[in-house]
Amino acid sequence: MKKRSVKQIIAGKASSDGAGVRLTRTLGASPSSRHDPFLLLDEFGSNDASDYIAGFPNHPHRGFETVTYMLNGEMLHEDHMGNKGRMAPGAVQWMTAGRGIIHSEMPQQEEGRMRGFQLWINLPAKDKMCEPAYQEFAAEQIPRVNLDGQGWIKVIAGKLSLAGQTVQGPVRGIATDPIYMDIALDPGQSVELPLPGAHNALIYVYEGEVLLDSREVSSRQTAILSDGEQLSLQAPGDGPTRLLLIAARPIGEPVVQYGPFVMNTSDEIRQAIQDFQSGRLTD
């Protein structure tokens, strides 16, 4: 099987979103930093409440999906459909905006550590105006596969076949057949993982470093991966490593984005703006 290698490394850039939440952005910092179907990848994390306390008040989306994965702290999600969920450490929220959704994600703490990730995944043209949908899973609903030593893999979406066992993540029914895994490796530990050859894939390192085909990827870097069916990861010997592995089927369609709206044409973007301004976005 062909092994995947590093095609491109995108360093994280300091940014902010929502009502001033400080974060690190890799994908989405510019149109050239997208990786079909992935539009944006942010890590938010701070011990200083002033960096996150304003949260993400009510805002619209159309034409894509948002994925929030919490490591520390608690956020409350509410949307116009009546969904309401408190995201505690280890929880995942997978929201399909479709034709339109208005939601908020607000901190449920006034001090302490708040840390997590937000990923935006495009939708095919045929699904951009689908009915909005919402999935949320607590930490205990996400299966974990223990590796030799102290390492492990949490399977949020997709299927992992490793060492004679197959584990399926709880997120289902997503158009691009995504894979989303949180991986922890001990110093010096390595693992080989199968990946669908037709999927585009990336890793995001958020603690330590990882070696991928002898190429080092450091903390707060996203590595865009080449084609292949096998992924070999190794943690250097000087400390533990934590990273996200994310993959999905590419869509191969034009992308036109204006803030929280992602469509295929400029006319569709203008319609989304008009619908939002007139209150018809969620009709």
C-alpha atoms as a PDB file:
ATOM      1  CA  MET A   1       0.000   0.000   0.000  1.00  0.00           C
ATOM      2  CA  LYS A   2       1.147   3.515  -0.805  1.00  0.00           C
ATOM      3  CA  LYS A   3       2.146   5.558   2.242  1.00  0.00           C
ATOM      4  CA  ARG A   4       1.044   9.128   2.648  1.00  0.00           C
ATOM      5  CA  SER A   5       3.660  11.852   2.990  1.00  0.00           C
ATOM      6  CA  VAL A   6       3.624  15.577   3.755  1.00  0.00           C
ATOM      7  CA  LYS A   7       2.741  17.755   0.753  1.00  0.00           C
ATOM      8  CA  GLN A   8       2.459  21.085   2.565  1.00  0.00           C
ATOM      9  CA  ILE A   9       2.785  22.460   6.083  1.00  0.00           C
ATOM     10  CA  ILE A  10       0.551  25.370   7.116  1.00  0.00           C
ATOM     11  CA  ALA A  11       1.692  27.197  10.248  1.00  0.00           C
ATOM     12  CA  GLY A  12      -0.962  28.475  12.616  1.00  0.00           C
ATOM     13  CA  LYS A  13      -1.682  32.197  12.645  1.00  0.00           C
ATOM     14  CA  ALA A  14      -3.041  34.181  15.576  1.00  0.00           C
ATOM     15  CA  SER A  15      -6.586  35.299  14.820  1.00  0.00           C
ATOM     16  CA  SER A  16      -9.953  35.968  16.459  1.00  0.00           C
ATOM     17  CA  ASP A  17     -13.578  35.173  15.708  1.00  0.00           C
ATOM     18  CA  GLY A  18     -17.010  35.435  17.240  1.00  0.00           C
ATOM     19  CA  ALA A  19     -17.114  38.338  19.680  1.00  0.00           C
ATOM     20  CA  GLY A  20     -13.330  38.414  20.001  1.00  0.00           C
ATOM     21  CA  VAL A  21     -12.345  34.839  20.920  1.00  0.00           C
ATOM     22  CA  ARG A  22      -8.588  34.490  20.438  1.00  0.00           C
ATOM     23  CA  LEU A  23      -7.558  31.454  18.414  1.00  0.00           C
ATOM     24  CA  THR A  24      -4.970  29.877  16.121  1.00  0.00           C
ATOM     25  CA  ARG A  25      -6.037  29.395  12.497  1.00  0.00           C
ATOM     26  CA  THR A  26      -4.378  27.131   9.926  1.00  0.00           C
ATOM     27  CA  LEU A  27      -6.905  26.172   7.239  1.00  0.00           C
ATOM     28  CA  GLY A  28      -8.971  29.130   6.105  1.00  0.00           C
ATOM     29  CA  ALA A  29      -6.424  31.848   6.777  1.00  0.00           C
ATOM     30  CA  SER A  30      -6.587  32.380   2.990  1.00  0.00           C
ATOM     31  CA  PRO A  31      -8.505  30.699   0.126  1.00  0.00           C
ATOM     32  CA  SER A  32      -5.281  28.950  -0.933  1.00  0.00           C
ATOM     33  CA  SER A  33      -5.033  27.257   2.472  1.00  0.00           C
ATOM     34  CA  ARG A  34      -8.262  25.263   2.061  1.00  0.00           C
ATOM     35  CA  HIS A  35      -8.051  21.508   1.396  1.00  0.00           C
ATOM     36  CA  ASP A  36     -11.197  20.178  -0.304  1.00  0.00           C
ATOM     37  CA  PRO A  37     -13.645  19.648   1.381  1.00  0.00           C
ATOM     38  CA  PHE A  38     -12.090  21.372   4.427  1.00  0.00           C
ATOM     39  CA  LEU A  39     -12.585  25.133   4.609  1.00  0.00           C
ATOM     40  CA  LEU A  40     -11.308  26.166   8.032  1.00  0.00           C
ATOM     41  CA  LEU A  41      -9.567  24.732  11.098  1.00  0.00           C
ATOM     42  CA  ASP A  42      -9.218  26.726  14.328  1.00  0.00           C
ATOM     43  CA  GLU A  43      -7.804  25.875  17.735  1.00  0.00           C
ATOM     44  CA  PHE A  44      -9.017  28.050  20.601  1.00  0.00           C
ATOM     45  CA  GLY A  45      -7.305  27.706  23.952  1.00  0.00           C
ATOM     46  CA  SER A  46      -6.483  29.939  26.894  1.00  0.00           C
ATOM     47  CA  ASN A  47      -6.371  30.089  30.688  1.00  0.00           C
ATOM     48  CA  ASP A  48      -7.311  33.778  30.494  1.00  0.00           C
ATOM     49  CA  ALA A  49     -11.085  34.261  30.449  1.00  0.00           C
ATOM     50  CA  SER A  50     -10.738  37.559  28.587  1.00  0.00           C
ATOM     51  CA  ASP A  51      -9.570  35.539  25.565  1.00  0.00           C
ATOM     52  CA  TYR A  52     -12.822  33.559  25.330  1.00  0.00           C
ATOM     53  CA  ILE A  53     -15.526  34.934  27.629  1.00  0.00           C
ATOM     54  CA  ALA A  54     -17.376  36.867  24.870  1.00  0.00           C
ATOM     55  CA  GLY A  55     -17.911  33.589  23.009  1.00  0.00           C
ATOM     56  CA  PHE A  56     -19.725  33.189  19.707  1.00  0.00           C
ATOM     57  CA  PRO A  57     -23.117  34.989  19.952  1.00  0.00           C
ATOM     58  CA  ASN A  58     -25.952  34.328  17.475  1.00  0.00           C
ATOM     59  CA  HIS A  59     -24.655  34.105  13.900  1.00  0.00           C
ATOM     60  CA  PRO A  60     -25.808  32.465  10.642  1.00  0.00           C
ATOM     61  CA  HIS A  61     -24.392  29.692   8.436  1.00  0.00           C
ATOM     62  CA  ARG A  62     -25.406  28.290   5.054  1.00  0.00           C
ATOM     63  CA  GLY A  63     -23.937  25.675   2.712  1.00  0.00           C
ATOM     64  CA  PHE A  64     -21.500  23.739   4.899  1.00  0.00           C
ATOM     65  CA  GLU A  65     -20.964  21.939   8.219  1.00  0.00           C
ATOM     66  CA  THR A  66     -19.303  23.041  11.462  1.00  0.00           C
ATOM     67  CA  VAL A  67     -17.639  20.653  13.902  1.00  0.00           C
ATOM     68  CA  THR A  68     -16.756  21.684  17.449  1.00  0.00           C
ATOM     69  CA  TYR A  69     -14.584  19.398  19.593  1.00  0.00           C
ATOM     70  CA  MET A  70     -13.931  20.382  23.214  1.00  0.00           C
ATOM     71  CA  LEU A  71     -10.826  19.485  25.217  1.00  0.00           C
ATOM     72  CA  ASN A  72     -11.270  21.733  28.268  1.00  0.00           C
ATOM     73  CA  GLY A  73     -14.034  23.948  29.588  1.00  0.00           C
ATOM     74  CA  GLU A  74     -17.735  24.071  28.734  1.00  0.00           C
ATOM     75  CA  MET A  75     -19.733  25.774  25.998  1.00  0.00           C
ATOM     76  CA  LEU A  76     -23.498  26.004  25.516  1.00  0.00           C
ATOM     77  CA  HIS A  77     -24.876  25.554  21.988  1.00  0.00           C
ATOM     78  CA  GLU A  78     -28.326  26.943  21.112  1.00  0.00           C
ATOM     79  CA  ASP A  79     -29.900  27.313  17.668  1.00  0.00           C
ATOM     80  CA  HIS A  80     -33.096  28.540  16.031  1.00  0.00           C
ATOM     81  CA  MET A  81     -34.423  24.957  15.728  1.00  0.00           C
ATOM     82  CA  GLY A  82     -34.559  24.617  19.514  1.00  0.00           C
ATOM     83  CA  ASN A  83     -31.455  22.460  19.880  1.00  0.00           C
ATOM     84  CA  LYS A  84     -29.616  23.140  23.113  1.00  0.00           C
ATOM     85  CA  GLY A  85     -26.566  21.272  24.350  1.00  0.00           C
ATOM     86  CA  ARG A  86     -23.861  21.813  26.934  1.00  0.00           C
ATOM     87  CA  MET A  87     -20.506  20.738  25.541  1.00  0.00           C
ATOM     88  CA  ALA A  88     -18.229  19.488  28.318  1.00  0.00           C
ATOM     89  CA  PRO A  89     -14.612  18.271  27.929  1.00  0.00           C
ATOM     90  CA  GLY A  90     -14.374  15.577  25.255  1.00  0.00           C
ATOM     91  CA  ALA A  91     -17.751  16.407  23.659  1.00  0.00           C
ATOM     92  CA  VAL A  92     -18.349  16.857  19.938  1.00  0.00           C
ATOM     93  CA  GLN A  93     -21.002  18.889  18.133  1.00  0.00           C
ATOM     94  CA  TRP A  94     -21.508  18.229  14.416  1.00  0.00           C
ATOM     95  CA  MET A  95     -23.844  20.731  12.812  1.00  0.00           C
ATOM     96  CA  THR A  96     -25.022  20.605   9.192  1.00  0.00           C
ATOM     97  CA  ALA A  97     -26.100  24.161   8.361  1.00  0.00           C
ATOM     98  CA  GLY A  98     -27.651  23.241   5.011  1.00  0.00           C
ATOM     99  CA  ARG A  99     -30.017  25.959   3.765  1.00  0.00           C
ATOM    100  CA  GLY A 100     -29.611  27.977   6.914  1.00  0.00           C
ATOM    101  CA  ILE A 101     -29.095  27.898  10.650  1.00  0.00           C
ATOM    102  CA  ILE A 102     -28.629  30.586  13.300  1.00  0.00           C
ATOM    103  CA  HIS A 103     -26.839  29.478  16.440  1.00  0.00           C
ATOM    104  CA  SER A 104     -24.600  30.537  19.303  1.00  0.00           C
ATOM    105  CA  GLU A 105     -21.810  28.894  21.293  1.00  0.00           C
ATOM    106  CA  MET A 106     -21.231  30.594  24.625  1.00  0.00           C
ATOM    107  CA  PRO A 107     -18.786  29.788  27.481  1.00  0.00           C
ATOM    108  CA  GLN A 108     -20.317  28.352  30.646  1.00  0.00           C
ATOM    109  CA  GLN A 109     -17.464  29.451  32.904  1.00  0.00           C
ATOM    110  CA  GLU A 110     -15.924  32.720  33.999  1.00  0.00           C
ATOM    111  CA  GLU A 111     -12.417  31.431  34.688  1.00  0.00           C
ATOM    112  CA  GLY A 112     -10.160  28.462  34.014  1.00  0.00           C
ATOM    113  CA  ARG A 113      -8.982  26.654  30.908  1.00  0.00           C
ATOM    114  CA  MET A 114     -11.064  26.738  27.703  1.00  0.00           C
ATOM    115  CA  ARG A 115      -9.695  24.723  24.790  1.00  0.00           C
ATOM    116  CA  GLY A 116     -11.018  23.068  21.663  1.00  0.00           C
ATOM    117  CA  PHE A 117     -11.264  23.067  17.883  1.00  0.00           C
ATOM    118  CA  GLN A 118     -13.639  24.159  15.172  1.00  0.00           C
ATOM    119  CA  LEU A 119     -13.594  22.620  11.693  1.00  0.00           C
ATOM    120  CA  TRP A 120     -15.639  23.721   8.675  1.00  0.00           C
ATOM    121  CA  ILE A 121     -16.467  21.091   6.041  1.00  0.00           C
ATOM    122  CA  ASN A 122     -17.992  21.998   2.693  1.00  0.00           C
ATOM    123  CA  LEU A 123     -21.183  20.409   1.363  1.00  0.00           C
ATOM    124  CA  PRO A 124     -21.752  19.256  -2.243  1.00  0.00           C
ATOM    125  CA  ALA A 125     -23.979  21.532  -4.338  1.00  0.00           C
ATOM    126  CA  LYS A 126     -26.830  19.018  -4.171  1.00  0.00           C
ATOM    127  CA  ASP A 127     -26.813  19.197  -0.343  1.00  0.00           C
ATOM    128  CA  LYS A 128     -26.177  22.889   0.271  1.00  0.00           C
ATOM    129  CA  MET A 129     -29.866  23.656   0.685  1.00  0.00           C
ATOM    130  CA  CYS A 130     -30.745  20.542   2.681  1.00  0.00           C
ATOM    131  CA  GLU A 131     -32.602  20.679   5.968  1.00  0.00           C
ATOM    132  CA  PRO A 132     -30.304  21.689   8.857  1.00  0.00           C
ATOM    133  CA  ALA A 133     -29.228  18.873  11.184  1.00  0.00           C
ATOM    134  CA  TYR A 134     -27.456  18.632  14.511  1.00  0.00           C
ATOM    135  CA  GLN A 135     -25.564  15.834  16.241  1.00  0.00           C
ATOM    136  CA  GLU A 136     -23.919  16.037  19.658  1.00  0.00           C
ATOM    137  CA  PHE A 137     -21.995  13.370  21.555  1.00  0.00           C
ATOM    138  CA  ALA A 138     -20.582  13.385  25.082  1.00  0.00           C
ATOM    139  CA  ALA A 139     -17.052  12.163  25.782  1.00  0.00           C
ATOM    140  CA  GLU A 140     -18.285   8.759  26.973  1.00  0.00           C
ATOM    141  CA  GLN A 141     -20.050   8.175  23.635  1.00  0.00           C
ATOM    142  CA  ILE A 142     -16.828   8.458  21.642  1.00  0.00           C
ATOM    143  CA  PRO A 143     -14.982   5.122  21.382  1.00  0.00           C
ATOM    144  CA  ARG A 144     -11.314   4.970  22.329  1.00  0.00           C
ATOM    145  CA  VAL A 145      -8.818   2.421  21.022  1.00  0.00           C
ATOM    146  CA  ASN A 146      -5.825   1.874  23.294  1.00  0.00           C
ATOM    147  CA  LEU A 147      -2.443   1.414  21.639  1.00  0.00           C
ATOM    148  CA  ASP A 148       0.571  -0.404  23.054  1.00  0.00           C
ATOM    149  CA  GLY A 149       1.925   1.686  25.913  1.00  0.00           C
ATOM    150  CA  GLN A 150      -0.105   4.716  26.968  1.00  0.00           C
ATOM    151  CA  GLY A 151      -1.152   5.887  23.525  1.00  0.00           C
ATOM    152  CA  TRP A 152      -4.738   5.879  22.263  1.00  0.00           C
ATOM    153  CA  ILE A 153      -7.034   6.957  19.424  1.00  0.00           C
ATOM    154  CA  LYS A 154     -10.495   8.475  19.890  1.00  0.00           C
ATOM    155  CA  VAL A 155     -12.714   7.808  16.866  1.00  0.00           C
ATOM    156  CA  ILE A 156     -15.175  10.687  16.434  1.00  0.00           C
ATOM    157  CA  ALA A 157     -16.175  10.000  12.826  1.00  0.00           C
ATOM    158  CA  GLY A 158     -15.306   7.276  10.357  1.00  0.00           C
ATOM    159  CA  LYS A 159     -14.030   3.755  10.874  1.00  0.00           C
ATOM    160  CA  LEU A 160     -10.740   2.549  12.359  1.00  0.00           C
ATOM    161  CA  SER A 161      -9.528  -0.985  11.665  1.00  0.00           C
ATOM    162  CA  LEU A 162      -6.454  -1.719  13.762  1.00  0.00           C
ATOM    163  CA  ALA A 163      -4.914  -4.783  15.427  1.00  0.00           C
ATOM    164  CA  GLY A 164      -7.806  -7.041  14.517  1.00  0.00           C
ATOM    165  CA  GLN A 165     -10.575  -4.760  15.756  1.00  0.00           C
ATOM    166  CA  THR A 166     -12.828  -2.311  13.929  1.00  0.00           C
ATOM    167  CA  VAL A 167     -14.299   0.732  15.661  1.00  0.00           C
ATOM    168  CA  GLN A 168     -16.912   3.118  14.216  1.00  0.00           C
ATOM    169  CA  GLY A 169     -17.261   6.696  15.405  1.00  0.00           C
ATOM    170  CA  PRO A 170     -20.691   7.938  16.524  1.00  0.00           C
ATOM    171  CA  VAL A 171     -21.076  10.650  13.862  1.00  0.00           C
ATOM    172  CA  ARG A 172     -23.117   9.249  10.962  1.00  0.00           C
ATOM    173  CA  GLY A 173     -24.863  10.325   7.772  1.00  0.00           C
ATOM    174  CA  ILE A 174     -22.357  12.949   6.559  1.00  0.00           C
ATOM    175  CA  ALA A 175     -22.145  13.606   2.811  1.00  0.00           C
ATOM    176  CA  THR A 176     -18.345  13.546   2.504  1.00  0.00           C
ATOM    177  CA  ASP A 177     -17.846  10.322   4.516  1.00  0.00           C
ATOM    178  CA  PRO A 178     -15.438  12.021   6.948  1.00  0.00           C
ATOM    179  CA  ILE A 179     -12.818  10.619   9.302  1.00  0.00           C
ATOM    180  CA  TYR A 180     -12.058  12.569  12.487  1.00  0.00           C
ATOM    181  CA  MET A 181      -9.716  11.103  15.114  1.00  0.00           C
ATOM    182  CA  ASP A 182      -7.884  12.443  18.156  1.00  0.00           C
ATOM    183  CA  ILE A 183      -4.550  10.619  18.580  1.00  0.00           C
ATOM    184  CA  ALA A 184      -2.187  10.476  21.572  1.00  0.00           C
ATOM    185  CA  LEU A 185       1.286   8.949  21.243  1.00  0.00           C
ATOM    186  CA  ASP A 186       3.909   8.248  23.910  1.00  0.00           C
ATOM    187  CA  PRO A 187       7.496   9.430  23.373  1.00  0.00           C
ATOM    188  CA  GLY A 188       9.014   7.172  20.729  1.00  0.00           C
ATOM    189  CA  GLN A 189       5.704   5.463  19.965  1.00  0.00           C
ATOM    190  CA  SER A 190       4.613   4.830  16.374  1.00  0.00           C
ATOM    191  CA  VAL A 191       1.413   3.697  14.700  1.00  0.00           C
ATOM    192  CA  GLU A 192       0.342   2.801  11.170  1.00  0.00           C
ATOM    193  CA  LEU A 193      -3.223   3.595  10.177  1.00  0.00           C
ATOM    194  CA  PRO A 194      -5.228   2.693   7.067  1.00  0.00           C
ATOM    195  CA  LEU A 195      -6.928   5.507   5.151  1.00  0.00           C
ATOM    196  CA  PRO A 196      -9.290   5.413   2.167  1.00  0.00           C
ATOM    197  CA  GLY A 197      -7.211   6.158  -0.911  1.00  0.00           C
ATOM    198  CA  ALA A 198      -9.838   8.501  -2.395  1.00  0.00           C
ATOM    199  CA  HIS A 199      -9.970  10.751   0.691  1.00  0.00           C
ATOM    200  CA  ASN A 200      -8.103  14.022   1.096  1.00  0.00           C
ATOM    201  CA  ALA A 201      -6.384  14.024   4.485  1.00  0.00           C
ATOM    202  CA  LEU A 202      -4.529  16.253   6.922  1.00  0.00           C
ATOM    203  CA  ILE A 203      -3.139  16.168  10.434  1.00  0.00           C
ATOM    204  CA  TYR A 204      -3.089  18.990  12.987  1.00  0.00           C
ATOM    205  CA  VAL A 205      -0.535  18.701  15.799  1.00  0.00           C
ATOM    206  CA  TYR A 206      -1.624  20.474  18.966  1.00  0.00           C
ATOM    207  CA  GLU A 207       0.928  19.128  21.455  1.00  0.00           C
ATOM    208  CA  GLY A 208       4.512  18.039  20.851  1.00  0.00           C
ATOM    209  CA  GLU A 209       5.722  16.967  17.427  1.00  0.00           C
ATOM    210  CA  VAL A 210       5.180  14.026  15.088  1.00  0.00           C
ATOM    211  CA  LEU A 211       7.323  12.445  12.394  1.00  0.00           C
ATOM    212  CA  LEU A 212       5.544  11.534   9.176  1.00  0.00           C
ATOM    213  CA  ASP A 213       7.750   9.857   6.590  1.00  0.00           C
ATOM    214  CA  SER A 214      10.796  11.433   8.342  1.00  0.00           C
ATOM    215  CA  ARG A 215       9.230  14.931   8.091  1.00  0.00           C
ATOM    216  CA  GLU A 216       8.628  16.667  11.417  1.00  0.00           C
ATOM    217  CA  VAL A 217       5.334  18.435  11.994  1.00  0.00           C
ATOM    218  CA  SER A 218       5.318  20.685  15.053  1.00  0.00           C
ATOM    219  CA  SER A 219       2.660  21.972  17.406  1.00  0.00           C
ATOM    220  CA  ARG A 220       0.117  24.347  15.855  1.00  0.00           C
ATOM    221  CA  GLN A 221       0.902  23.186  12.342  1.00  0.00           C
ATOM    222  CA  THR A 222      -1.406  21.511   9.830  1.00  0.00           C
ATOM    223  CA  ALA A 223       0.200  19.060   7.412  1.00  0.00           C
ATOM    224  CA  ILE A 224      -1.617  18.439   4.119  1.00  0.00           C
ATOM    225  CA  LEU A 225      -1.010  14.814   3.138  1.00  0.00           C
ATOM    226  CA  SER A 226      -0.338  13.191  -0.219  1.00  0.00           C
ATOM    227  CA  ASP A 227      -2.470  10.406  -1.672  1.00  0.00           C
ATOM    228  CA  GLY A 228      -2.168   6.896  -0.273  1.00  0.00           C
ATOM    229  CA  GLU A 229      -3.791   4.124   1.739  1.00  0.00           C
ATOM    230  CA  GLN A 230      -1.421   4.037   4.735  1.00  0.00           C
ATOM    231  CA  LEU A 231      -0.375   6.649   7.289  1.00  0.00           C
ATOM    232  CA  SER A 232       2.719   6.137   9.484  1.00  0.00           C
ATOM    233  CA  LEU A 233       3.082   8.397  12.528  1.00  0.00           C
ATOM    234  CA  GLN A 234       5.904   8.439  15.075  1.00  0.00           C
ATOM    235  CA  ALA A 235       6.344  10.580  18.171  1.00  0.00           C
ATOM    236  CA  PRO A 236       9.905  11.780  18.811  1.00  0.00           C
ATOM    237  CA  GLY A 237      11.545  10.482  21.938  1.00  0.00           C
ATOM    238  CA  ASP A 238      11.476  13.694  23.967  1.00  0.00           C
ATOM    239  CA  GLY A 239       7.781  14.045  24.824  1.00  0.00           C
ATOM    240  CA  PRO A 240       4.193  12.961  24.167  1.00  0.00           C
ATOM    241  CA  THR A 241       2.302  13.961  21.039  1.00  0.00           C
ATOM    242  CA  ARG A 242      -1.353  14.894  20.481  1.00  0.00           C
ATOM    243  CA  LEU A 243      -2.816  15.429  17.035  1.00  0.00           C
ATOM    244  CA  LEU A 244      -5.993  15.366  14.992  1.00  0.00           C
ATOM    245  CA  LEU A 245      -6.317  13.177  11.901  1.00  0.00           C
ATOM    246  CA  ILE A 246      -9.003  14.475   9.540  1.00  0.00           C
ATOM    247  CA  ALA A 247      -9.952  13.096   6.121  1.00  0.00           C
ATOM    248  CA  ALA A 248     -12.935  13.114   3.740  1.00  0.00           C
ATOM    249  CA  ARG A 249     -13.964  12.635   0.137  1.00  0.00           C
ATOM    250  CA  PRO A 250     -13.134  15.741  -1.946  1.00  0.00           C
ATOM    251  CA  ILE A 251     -16.059  17.463  -3.637  1.00  0.00           C
ATOM    252  CA  GLY A 252     -14.301  19.021  -6.612  1.00  0.00           C
ATOM    253  CA  GLU A 253     -16.725  21.942  -7.065  1.00  0.00           C
ATOM    254  CA  PRO A 254     -16.247  25.736  -7.126  1.00  0.00           C
ATOM    255  CA  VAL A 255     -16.177  27.378  -3.697  1.00  0.00           C
ATOM    256  CA  VAL A 256     -17.471  30.920  -3.207  1.00  0.00           C
ATOM    257  CA  GLN A 257     -17.371  32.103   0.390  1.00  0.00           C
ATOM    258  CA  TYR A 258     -18.568  35.246   2.086  1.00  0.00           C
ATOM    259  CA  GLY A 259     -18.036  34.993   5.839  1.00  0.00           C
ATOM    260  CA  PRO A 260     -20.454  32.373   7.208  1.00  0.00           C
ATOM    261  CA  PHE A 261     -21.947  31.519   3.793  1.00  0.00           C
ATOM    262  CA  VAL A 262     -20.271  28.979   1.474  1.00  0.00           C
ATOM    263  CA  MET A 263     -21.885  28.340  -1.913  1.00  0.00           C
ATOM    264  CA  ASN A 264     -20.895  27.519  -5.506  1.00  0.00           C
ATOM    265  CA  THR A 265     -21.603  30.850  -7.233  1.00  0.00           C
ATOM    266  CA  SER A 266     -21.605  34.565  -6.447  1.00  0.00           C
ATOM    267  CA  ASP A 267     -25.326  34.715  -7.208  1.00  0.00           C
ATOM    268  CA  GLU A 268     -25.976  32.090  -4.526  1.00  0.00           C
ATOM    269  CA  ILE A 269     -23.942  34.137  -2.042  1.00  0.00           C
ATOM    270  CA  ARG A 270     -25.953  37.258  -2.848  1.00  0.00           C
ATOM    271  CA  GLN A 271     -29.146  35.248  -2.307  1.00  0.00           C
ATOM    272  CA  ALA A 272     -27.874  33.990   1.060  1.00  0.00           C
ATOM    273  CA  ILE A 273     -27.132  37.558   2.178  1.00  0.00           C
ATOM    274  CA  GLN A 274     -30.565  38.745   1.040  1.00  0.00           C
ATOM    275  CA  ASP A 275     -32.259  35.821   2.780  1.00  0.00           C
ATOM    276  CA  PHE A 276     -30.435  36.586   6.030  1.00  0.00           C
ATOM    277  CA  GLN A 277     -31.154  40.320   5.889  1.00  0.00           C
ATOM    278  CA  SER A 278     -34.835  39.691   5.169  1.00  0.00           C
ATOM    279  CA  GLY A 279     -35.206  36.988   7.843  1.00  0.00           C
ATOM    280  CA  ARG A 280     -35.760  34.211   5.296  1.00  0.00           C
ATOM    281  CA  LEU A 281     -32.487  32.323   5.811  1.00  0.00           C
ATOM    282  CA  THR A 282     -34.110  29.727   8.040  1.00  0.00           C
ATOM    283  CA  ASP A 283     -37.514  29.555   6.291  1.00  0.00           C
END
